[in-house]
Amino acid sequence: MISRIEKRRALKQQETYHCLELQCRHFRRIMLCFVPHTGSRKKTFGPLFRYAFPASHGIPFFAFLMRQRFQSDGWKIYNAEEEYARLGLPSYQWRISKANAKYELCDTYPAVLVVPNSITDQQLRSVSAFRSRGRLPVLCWKNPATMATILRCSQPRVGITGARSADDEAVCVTMICHCLCLPLVDRCNPCVKSIIGETSYCRCATSCKCNCKYSQRRWIREHCELSKYNITIHGY
């Protein structure tokens, strides 16, 4: 982290101090001041300079010397499927997909994804190709009691031609229907905007009996405590 060490003097309350200025690689500067004529700066400068630049002094890097042992394997402390089970997943609406087991769909998503039951892995591959960085819509969190959910995805690859994806729109509609018909959506998303208007309703009548007609702006104003309701986040 340290890119440079310089010796300086600083005047404070009419007293002169001998200082060491540390310039870090992330542009942060740290000033260490010592009482003059005590030799403290000299004793500090030597070891600090050697260990800040180990390659120049033939010293092994700290990363190779640090060999702390742990009782448990850190890679096994977190288990995604156990965490999803704690949230009540999978359920009759949501399933766990391993289409990203080799991180081929999205290298920034976990190996297991929670998606609607009616969406196939082939549709997920199609949606991933249509989304920026392959970040398709997936469920991140669900409240077991209120059934409130948080979903995430990136922006679609619409481009200047206004491209659309039938699979992407199907996934968005299905997720909205699974969220108790109280979604908060990003209206800048052209795919969602094509499905949801100013006064919106669910268009997947064959798979959803909600017939949920509502006004998004009025719903947002009337329901301030968003934690009690479902939030569908697009564009993150």
C-alpha atoms as a PDB file:
ATOM      1  CA  MET A   1       0.000   0.000   0.000  1.00  0.00           C
ATOM      2  CA  ILE A   2       2.946   2.362   0.629  1.00  0.00           C
ATOM      3  CA  SER A   3       4.490   3.777  -2.537  1.00  0.00           C
ATOM      4  CA  ARG A   4       6.889   6.311  -1.051  1.00  0.00           C
ATOM      5  CA  ILE A   5       8.386   7.403   2.311  1.00  0.00           C
ATOM      6  CA  GLU A   6       9.864  10.866   2.769  1.00  0.00           C
ATOM      7  CA  LYS A   7      11.498  12.627   5.717  1.00  0.00           C
ATOM      8  CA  ARG A   8       9.988  16.009   6.517  1.00  0.00           C
ATOM      9  CA  ARG A   9       9.780  18.633   9.231  1.00  0.00           C
ATOM     10  CA  ALA A  10       6.599  20.118  10.606  1.00  0.00           C
ATOM     11  CA  LEU A  11       6.026  23.226  12.702  1.00  0.00           C
ATOM     12  CA  LYS A  12       3.324  22.952  15.337  1.00  0.00           C
ATOM     13  CA  GLN A  13       2.735  25.371  18.190  1.00  0.00           C
ATOM     14  CA  GLN A  14       6.117  26.976  17.554  1.00  0.00           C
ATOM     15  CA  GLU A  15       7.872  23.621  17.893  1.00  0.00           C
ATOM     16  CA  THR A  16       9.605  21.741  15.094  1.00  0.00           C
ATOM     17  CA  TYR A  17       8.948  18.011  14.747  1.00  0.00           C
ATOM     18  CA  HIS A  18      10.765  15.437  12.650  1.00  0.00           C
ATOM     19  CA  CYS A  19       8.226  13.575  10.519  1.00  0.00           C
ATOM     20  CA  LEU A  20       7.856  10.709   8.104  1.00  0.00           C
ATOM     21  CA  GLU A  21       5.337  11.185   5.293  1.00  0.00           C
ATOM     22  CA  LEU A  22       3.874   7.956   3.899  1.00  0.00           C
ATOM     23  CA  GLN A  23       2.415   8.223   0.409  1.00  0.00           C
ATOM     24  CA  CYS A  24       0.069   5.319  -0.315  1.00  0.00           C
ATOM     25  CA  ARG A  25      -0.888   3.805  -3.645  1.00  0.00           C
ATOM     26  CA  HIS A  26      -4.512   4.866  -3.216  1.00  0.00           C
ATOM     27  CA  PHE A  27      -3.384   8.545  -2.907  1.00  0.00           C
ATOM     28  CA  ARG A  28      -3.729   8.675   0.854  1.00  0.00           C
ATOM     29  CA  ARG A  29      -0.995  10.405   2.854  1.00  0.00           C
ATOM     30  CA  ILE A  30      -0.068   9.633   6.465  1.00  0.00           C
ATOM     31  CA  MET A  31       2.220  11.854   8.534  1.00  0.00           C
ATOM     32  CA  LEU A  32       4.124  10.384  11.494  1.00  0.00           C
ATOM     33  CA  CYS A  33       5.700  13.046  13.714  1.00  0.00           C
ATOM     34  CA  PHE A  34       8.428  12.457  16.330  1.00  0.00           C
ATOM     35  CA  VAL A  35       9.936  14.531  19.074  1.00  0.00           C
ATOM     36  CA  PRO A  36      13.296  15.836  17.789  1.00  0.00           C
ATOM     37  CA  HIS A  37      16.679  14.712  19.143  1.00  0.00           C
ATOM     38  CA  THR A  38      15.324  11.418  20.467  1.00  0.00           C
ATOM     39  CA  GLY A  39      16.300   9.204  17.536  1.00  0.00           C
ATOM     40  CA  SER A  40      12.721   7.935  17.262  1.00  0.00           C
ATOM     41  CA  ARG A  41      12.378   8.810  13.583  1.00  0.00           C
ATOM     42  CA  LYS A  42      15.598   7.033  12.655  1.00  0.00           C
ATOM     43  CA  LYS A  43      14.606   3.878  14.554  1.00  0.00           C
ATOM     44  CA  THR A  44      11.222   3.871  12.824  1.00  0.00           C
ATOM     45  CA  PHE A  45      12.400   4.736   9.328  1.00  0.00           C
ATOM     46  CA  GLY A  46      14.752   1.762   8.923  1.00  0.00           C
ATOM     47  CA  PRO A  47      12.334  -1.138   9.616  1.00  0.00           C
ATOM     48  CA  LEU A  48       9.426   0.676   7.975  1.00  0.00           C
ATOM     49  CA  PHE A  49      11.378   1.256   4.758  1.00  0.00           C
ATOM     50  CA  ARG A  50      12.616  -2.348   4.641  1.00  0.00           C
ATOM     51  CA  TYR A  51       9.230  -3.955   5.128  1.00  0.00           C
ATOM     52  CA  ALA A  52       7.372  -1.454   2.933  1.00  0.00           C
ATOM     53  CA  PHE A  53       9.624  -2.413   0.009  1.00  0.00           C
ATOM     54  CA  PRO A  54      10.596  -6.041   0.690  1.00  0.00           C
ATOM     55  CA  ALA A  55      11.637  -6.846  -2.887  1.00  0.00           C
ATOM     56  CA  SER A  56      14.359  -4.172  -2.772  1.00  0.00           C
ATOM     57  CA  HIS A  57      15.811  -5.667   0.407  1.00  0.00           C
ATOM     58  CA  GLY A  58      15.517  -9.371  -0.404  1.00  0.00           C
ATOM     59  CA  ILE A  59      12.749  -9.961   2.141  1.00  0.00           C
ATOM     60  CA  PRO A  60       9.863 -12.370   1.415  1.00  0.00           C
ATOM     61  CA  PHE A  61       6.446 -10.800   1.031  1.00  0.00           C
ATOM     62  CA  PHE A  62       4.159 -10.851   4.064  1.00  0.00           C
ATOM     63  CA  ALA A  63       1.530 -12.780   2.093  1.00  0.00           C
ATOM     64  CA  PHE A  64       3.920 -15.716   1.805  1.00  0.00           C
ATOM     65  CA  LEU A  65       5.032 -15.555   5.449  1.00  0.00           C
ATOM     66  CA  MET A  66       1.531 -15.362   6.937  1.00  0.00           C
ATOM     67  CA  ARG A  67       0.488 -18.993   7.458  1.00  0.00           C
ATOM     68  CA  GLN A  68      -2.223 -18.759  10.077  1.00  0.00           C
ATOM     69  CA  ARG A  69      -4.188 -21.971  10.531  1.00  0.00           C
ATOM     70  CA  PHE A  70      -7.948 -22.053  10.962  1.00  0.00           C
ATOM     71  CA  GLN A  71     -10.114 -24.802  12.431  1.00  0.00           C
ATOM     72  CA  SER A  72     -12.667 -24.694   9.607  1.00  0.00           C
ATOM     73  CA  ASP A  73     -12.408 -24.435   5.839  1.00  0.00           C
ATOM     74  CA  GLY A  74     -13.353 -20.883   4.886  1.00  0.00           C
ATOM     75  CA  TRP A  75     -14.751 -21.981   1.536  1.00  0.00           C
ATOM     76  CA  LYS A  76     -17.373 -24.103   3.318  1.00  0.00           C
ATOM     77  CA  ILE A  77     -18.534 -21.611   5.936  1.00  0.00           C
ATOM     78  CA  TYR A  78     -21.188 -20.144   3.619  1.00  0.00           C
ATOM     79  CA  ASN A  79     -23.545 -22.489   1.820  1.00  0.00           C
ATOM     80  CA  ALA A  80     -25.921 -20.756  -0.579  1.00  0.00           C
ATOM     81  CA  GLU A  81     -28.499 -23.543  -0.622  1.00  0.00           C
ATOM     82  CA  GLU A  82     -28.649 -23.635   3.192  1.00  0.00           C
ATOM     83  CA  GLU A  83     -29.118 -19.871   3.250  1.00  0.00           C
ATOM     84  CA  TYR A  84     -31.909 -20.075   0.690  1.00  0.00           C
ATOM     85  CA  ALA A  85     -33.548 -22.835   2.760  1.00  0.00           C
ATOM     86  CA  ARG A  86     -33.529 -20.490   5.754  1.00  0.00           C
ATOM     87  CA  LEU A  87     -35.528 -18.034   3.632  1.00  0.00           C
ATOM     88  CA  GLY A  88     -38.054 -20.691   2.678  1.00  0.00           C
ATOM     89  CA  LEU A  89     -36.620 -21.499  -0.748  1.00  0.00           C
ATOM     90  CA  PRO A  90     -37.285 -23.325  -2.949  1.00  0.00           C
ATOM     91  CA  SER A  91     -41.085 -22.932  -2.848  1.00  0.00           C
ATOM     92  CA  TYR A  92     -44.058 -23.467  -5.104  1.00  0.00           C
ATOM     93  CA  GLN A  93     -43.154 -20.201  -6.892  1.00  0.00           C
ATOM     94  CA  TRP A  94     -39.353 -20.237  -6.834  1.00  0.00           C
ATOM     95  CA  ARG A  95     -36.781 -22.896  -7.653  1.00  0.00           C
ATOM     96  CA  ILE A  96     -33.011 -23.193  -7.331  1.00  0.00           C
ATOM     97  CA  SER A  97     -31.193 -23.381 -10.657  1.00  0.00           C
ATOM     98  CA  LYS A  98     -27.644 -24.627 -11.156  1.00  0.00           C
ATOM     99  CA  ALA A  99     -27.389 -23.298 -14.696  1.00  0.00           C
ATOM    100  CA  ASN A 100     -24.569 -21.048 -13.470  1.00  0.00           C
ATOM    101  CA  ALA A 101     -22.669 -23.873 -11.730  1.00  0.00           C
ATOM    102  CA  LYS A 102     -19.577 -23.202 -13.851  1.00  0.00           C
ATOM    103  CA  TYR A 103     -20.175 -19.427 -13.869  1.00  0.00           C
ATOM    104  CA  GLU A 104     -20.906 -19.527 -17.581  1.00  0.00           C
ATOM    105  CA  LEU A 105     -24.064 -17.411 -17.412  1.00  0.00           C
ATOM    106  CA  CYS A 106     -22.601 -14.689 -15.203  1.00  0.00           C
ATOM    107  CA  ASP A 107     -19.178 -14.687 -13.577  1.00  0.00           C
ATOM    108  CA  THR A 108     -20.309 -12.186 -10.911  1.00  0.00           C
ATOM    109  CA  TYR A 109     -23.299 -14.267  -9.746  1.00  0.00           C
ATOM    110  CA  PRO A 110     -23.184 -17.268  -7.377  1.00  0.00           C
ATOM    111  CA  ALA A 111     -23.195 -20.814  -8.694  1.00  0.00           C
ATOM    112  CA  VAL A 112     -26.809 -21.381  -7.616  1.00  0.00           C
ATOM    113  CA  LEU A 113     -29.588 -18.975  -8.594  1.00  0.00           C
ATOM    114  CA  VAL A 114     -33.182 -18.596  -7.436  1.00  0.00           C
ATOM    115  CA  VAL A 115     -35.592 -18.089 -10.342  1.00  0.00           C
ATOM    116  CA  PRO A 116     -39.316 -18.624 -10.967  1.00  0.00           C
ATOM    117  CA  ASN A 117     -40.482 -22.233 -11.262  1.00  0.00           C
ATOM    118  CA  SER A 118     -41.966 -21.689 -14.711  1.00  0.00           C
ATOM    119  CA  ILE A 119     -38.699 -20.381 -16.189  1.00  0.00           C
ATOM    120  CA  THR A 120     -36.432 -22.995 -17.761  1.00  0.00           C
ATOM    121  CA  ASP A 121     -32.642 -23.011 -17.763  1.00  0.00           C
ATOM    122  CA  GLN A 122     -32.705 -22.479 -21.523  1.00  0.00           C
ATOM    123  CA  GLN A 123     -34.668 -19.275 -21.019  1.00  0.00           C
ATOM    124  CA  LEU A 124     -32.133 -18.191 -18.397  1.00  0.00           C
ATOM    125  CA  ARG A 125     -29.337 -18.577 -20.955  1.00  0.00           C
ATOM    126  CA  SER A 126     -31.270 -16.457 -23.413  1.00  0.00           C
ATOM    127  CA  VAL A 127     -31.941 -13.758 -20.826  1.00  0.00           C
ATOM    128  CA  SER A 128     -28.302 -13.782 -19.706  1.00  0.00           C
ATOM    129  CA  ALA A 129     -27.166 -13.097 -23.268  1.00  0.00           C
ATOM    130  CA  PHE A 130     -29.575 -10.137 -23.421  1.00  0.00           C
ATOM    131  CA  ARG A 131     -28.430  -8.545 -20.142  1.00  0.00           C
ATOM    132  CA  SER A 132     -25.290  -6.509 -19.525  1.00  0.00           C
ATOM    133  CA  ARG A 133     -22.485  -8.651 -18.083  1.00  0.00           C
ATOM    134  CA  GLY A 134     -24.931 -11.565 -18.163  1.00  0.00           C
ATOM    135  CA  ARG A 135     -26.651 -10.373 -14.986  1.00  0.00           C
ATOM    136  CA  LEU A 136     -30.097 -11.840 -15.512  1.00  0.00           C
ATOM    137  CA  PRO A 137     -32.987 -11.170 -13.079  1.00  0.00           C
ATOM    138  CA  VAL A 138     -32.671 -13.393  -9.992  1.00  0.00           C
ATOM    139  CA  LEU A 139     -34.014 -13.423  -6.453  1.00  0.00           C
ATOM    140  CA  CYS A 140     -31.572 -12.313  -3.743  1.00  0.00           C
ATOM    141  CA  TRP A 141     -33.705 -12.277  -0.600  1.00  0.00           C
ATOM    142  CA  LYS A 142     -37.206 -13.212   0.578  1.00  0.00           C
ATOM    143  CA  ASN A 143     -38.907 -12.536   3.857  1.00  0.00           C
ATOM    144  CA  PRO A 144     -40.356 -15.874   5.037  1.00  0.00           C
ATOM    145  CA  ALA A 145     -43.143 -14.114   6.943  1.00  0.00           C
ATOM    146  CA  THR A 146     -44.297 -11.289   4.647  1.00  0.00           C
ATOM    147  CA  MET A 147     -43.057 -12.900   1.399  1.00  0.00           C
ATOM    148  CA  ALA A 148     -41.386  -9.596   0.489  1.00  0.00           C
ATOM    149  CA  THR A 149     -38.614 -10.102  -2.054  1.00  0.00           C
ATOM    150  CA  ILE A 150     -35.587  -8.317  -3.457  1.00  0.00           C
ATOM    151  CA  LEU A 151     -34.550  -9.086  -7.032  1.00  0.00           C
ATOM    152  CA  ARG A 152     -31.544  -7.864  -8.946  1.00  0.00           C
ATOM    153  CA  CYS A 153     -30.344  -7.646 -12.546  1.00  0.00           C
ATOM    154  CA  SER A 154     -28.407  -5.386 -14.890  1.00  0.00           C
ATOM    155  CA  GLN A 155     -29.650  -3.237 -17.752  1.00  0.00           C
ATOM    156  CA  PRO A 156     -30.821  -4.993 -20.928  1.00  0.00           C
ATOM    157  CA  ARG A 157     -28.796  -4.689 -24.120  1.00  0.00           C
ATOM    158  CA  VAL A 158     -31.373  -2.659 -25.986  1.00  0.00           C
ATOM    159  CA  GLY A 159     -28.991  -0.621 -28.107  1.00  0.00           C
ATOM    160  CA  ILE A 160     -29.940   2.087 -30.588  1.00  0.00           C
ATOM    161  CA  THR A 161     -32.247  -0.300 -32.455  1.00  0.00           C
ATOM    162  CA  GLY A 162     -34.454  -0.894 -29.413  1.00  0.00           C
ATOM    163  CA  ALA A 163     -33.867  -4.637 -29.324  1.00  0.00           C
ATOM    164  CA  ARG A 164     -36.215  -6.803 -27.278  1.00  0.00           C
ATOM    165  CA  SER A 165     -36.149 -10.310 -25.881  1.00  0.00           C
ATOM    166  CA  ALA A 166     -39.290 -12.393 -25.449  1.00  0.00           C
ATOM    167  CA  ASP A 167     -37.622 -14.571 -22.803  1.00  0.00           C
ATOM    168  CA  ASP A 168     -36.443 -11.503 -20.871  1.00  0.00           C
ATOM    169  CA  GLU A 169     -39.923 -10.007 -20.862  1.00  0.00           C
ATOM    170  CA  ALA A 170     -41.405 -13.349 -19.802  1.00  0.00           C
ATOM    171  CA  VAL A 171     -39.023 -13.545 -16.853  1.00  0.00           C
ATOM    172  CA  CYS A 172     -39.843  -9.975 -15.781  1.00  0.00           C
ATOM    173  CA  VAL A 173     -43.610 -10.563 -15.961  1.00  0.00           C
ATOM    174  CA  THR A 174     -43.367 -13.856 -14.085  1.00  0.00           C
ATOM    175  CA  MET A 175     -41.302 -12.321 -11.294  1.00  0.00           C
ATOM    176  CA  ILE A 176     -43.723  -9.436 -10.933  1.00  0.00           C
ATOM    177  CA  CYS A 177     -46.633 -11.880 -10.612  1.00  0.00           C
ATOM    178  CA  HIS A 178     -44.728 -13.816  -7.943  1.00  0.00           C
ATOM    179  CA  CYS A 179     -44.226 -10.667  -5.848  1.00  0.00           C
ATOM    180  CA  LEU A 180     -47.794 -10.389  -4.559  1.00  0.00           C
ATOM    181  CA  CYS A 181     -48.495  -7.980  -7.426  1.00  0.00           C
ATOM    182  CA  LEU A 182     -46.932  -5.033  -5.572  1.00  0.00           C
ATOM    183  CA  PRO A 183     -43.722  -4.333  -7.516  1.00  0.00           C
ATOM    184  CA  LEU A 184     -41.563  -1.233  -7.610  1.00  0.00           C
ATOM    185  CA  VAL A 185     -39.917  -1.256 -11.026  1.00  0.00           C
ATOM    186  CA  ASP A 186     -37.389   0.820 -12.915  1.00  0.00           C
ATOM    187  CA  ARG A 187     -39.431   2.496 -15.621  1.00  0.00           C
ATOM    188  CA  CYS A 188     -36.241   3.334 -17.548  1.00  0.00           C
ATOM    189  CA  ASN A 189     -36.045  -0.326 -18.511  1.00  0.00           C
ATOM    190  CA  PRO A 190     -37.637  -0.420 -21.991  1.00  0.00           C
ATOM    191  CA  CYS A 191     -38.527  -4.100 -21.685  1.00  0.00           C
ATOM    192  CA  VAL A 192     -40.434  -3.525 -18.453  1.00  0.00           C
ATOM    193  CA  LYS A 193     -41.892  -0.276 -19.758  1.00  0.00           C
ATOM    194  CA  SER A 194     -43.346  -2.138 -22.696  1.00  0.00           C
ATOM    195  CA  ILE A 195     -45.122  -4.469 -20.281  1.00  0.00           C
ATOM    196  CA  ILE A 196     -46.099  -2.033 -17.500  1.00  0.00           C
ATOM    197  CA  GLY A 197     -47.711   1.328 -18.236  1.00  0.00           C
ATOM    198  CA  GLU A 198     -48.655   4.289 -16.058  1.00  0.00           C
ATOM    199  CA  THR A 199     -51.759   2.397 -14.970  1.00  0.00           C
ATOM    200  CA  SER A 200     -50.666  -1.189 -15.095  1.00  0.00           C
ATOM    201  CA  TYR A 201     -52.086  -4.666 -14.920  1.00  0.00           C
ATOM    202  CA  CYS A 202     -50.734  -8.176 -15.086  1.00  0.00           C
ATOM    203  CA  ARG A 203     -50.848  -9.503 -18.649  1.00  0.00           C
ATOM    204  CA  CYS A 204     -50.075 -13.132 -17.871  1.00  0.00           C
ATOM    205  CA  ALA A 205     -53.690 -14.087 -17.175  1.00  0.00           C
ATOM    206  CA  THR A 206     -53.058 -17.694 -18.087  1.00  0.00           C
ATOM    207  CA  SER A 207     -50.595 -18.228 -15.232  1.00  0.00           C
ATOM    208  CA  CYS A 208     -51.681 -15.542 -12.766  1.00  0.00           C
ATOM    209  CA  LYS A 209     -55.165 -14.919 -11.393  1.00  0.00           C
ATOM    210  CA  CYS A 210     -54.266 -11.689  -9.641  1.00  0.00           C
ATOM    211  CA  ASN A 211     -55.697  -9.236 -12.233  1.00  0.00           C
ATOM    212  CA  CYS A 212     -53.669  -6.625 -10.392  1.00  0.00           C
ATOM    213  CA  LYS A 213     -54.599  -3.182 -11.696  1.00  0.00           C
ATOM    214  CA  TYR A 214     -52.788  -0.369  -9.957  1.00  0.00           C
ATOM    215  CA  SER A 215     -51.086   2.983 -10.428  1.00  0.00           C
ATOM    216  CA  GLN A 216     -47.369   2.805  -9.644  1.00  0.00           C
ATOM    217  CA  ARG A 217     -46.986   6.425  -8.547  1.00  0.00           C
ATOM    218  CA  ARG A 218     -50.077   6.285  -6.328  1.00  0.00           C
ATOM    219  CA  TRP A 219     -48.942   2.970  -4.827  1.00  0.00           C
ATOM    220  CA  ILE A 220     -45.489   4.400  -3.972  1.00  0.00           C
ATOM    221  CA  ARG A 221     -47.042   7.431  -2.297  1.00  0.00           C
ATOM    222  CA  GLU A 222     -49.542   5.403  -0.276  1.00  0.00           C
ATOM    223  CA  HIS A 223     -47.085   2.741   0.939  1.00  0.00           C
ATOM    224  CA  CYS A 224     -44.129   4.291   2.698  1.00  0.00           C
ATOM    225  CA  GLU A 225     -43.075   1.235   4.675  1.00  0.00           C
ATOM    226  CA  LEU A 226     -41.545  -0.597   1.718  1.00  0.00           C
ATOM    227  CA  SER A 227     -40.162  -3.359   3.958  1.00  0.00           C
ATOM    228  CA  LYS A 228     -43.676  -4.763   4.274  1.00  0.00           C
ATOM    229  CA  TYR A 229     -44.113  -5.043   0.539  1.00  0.00           C
ATOM    230  CA  ASN A 230     -42.306  -6.560  -2.394  1.00  0.00           C
ATOM    231  CA  ILE A 231     -39.585  -4.651  -4.169  1.00  0.00           C
ATOM    232  CA  THR A 232     -38.437  -5.650  -7.618  1.00  0.00           C
ATOM    233  CA  ILE A 233     -35.227  -3.808  -8.514  1.00  0.00           C
ATOM    234  CA  HIS A 234     -34.205  -3.489 -12.149  1.00  0.00           C
ATOM    235  CA  GLY A 235     -31.032  -1.907 -13.469  1.00  0.00           C
ATOM    236  CA  TYR A 236     -28.539  -2.777 -10.691  1.00  0.00           C
END
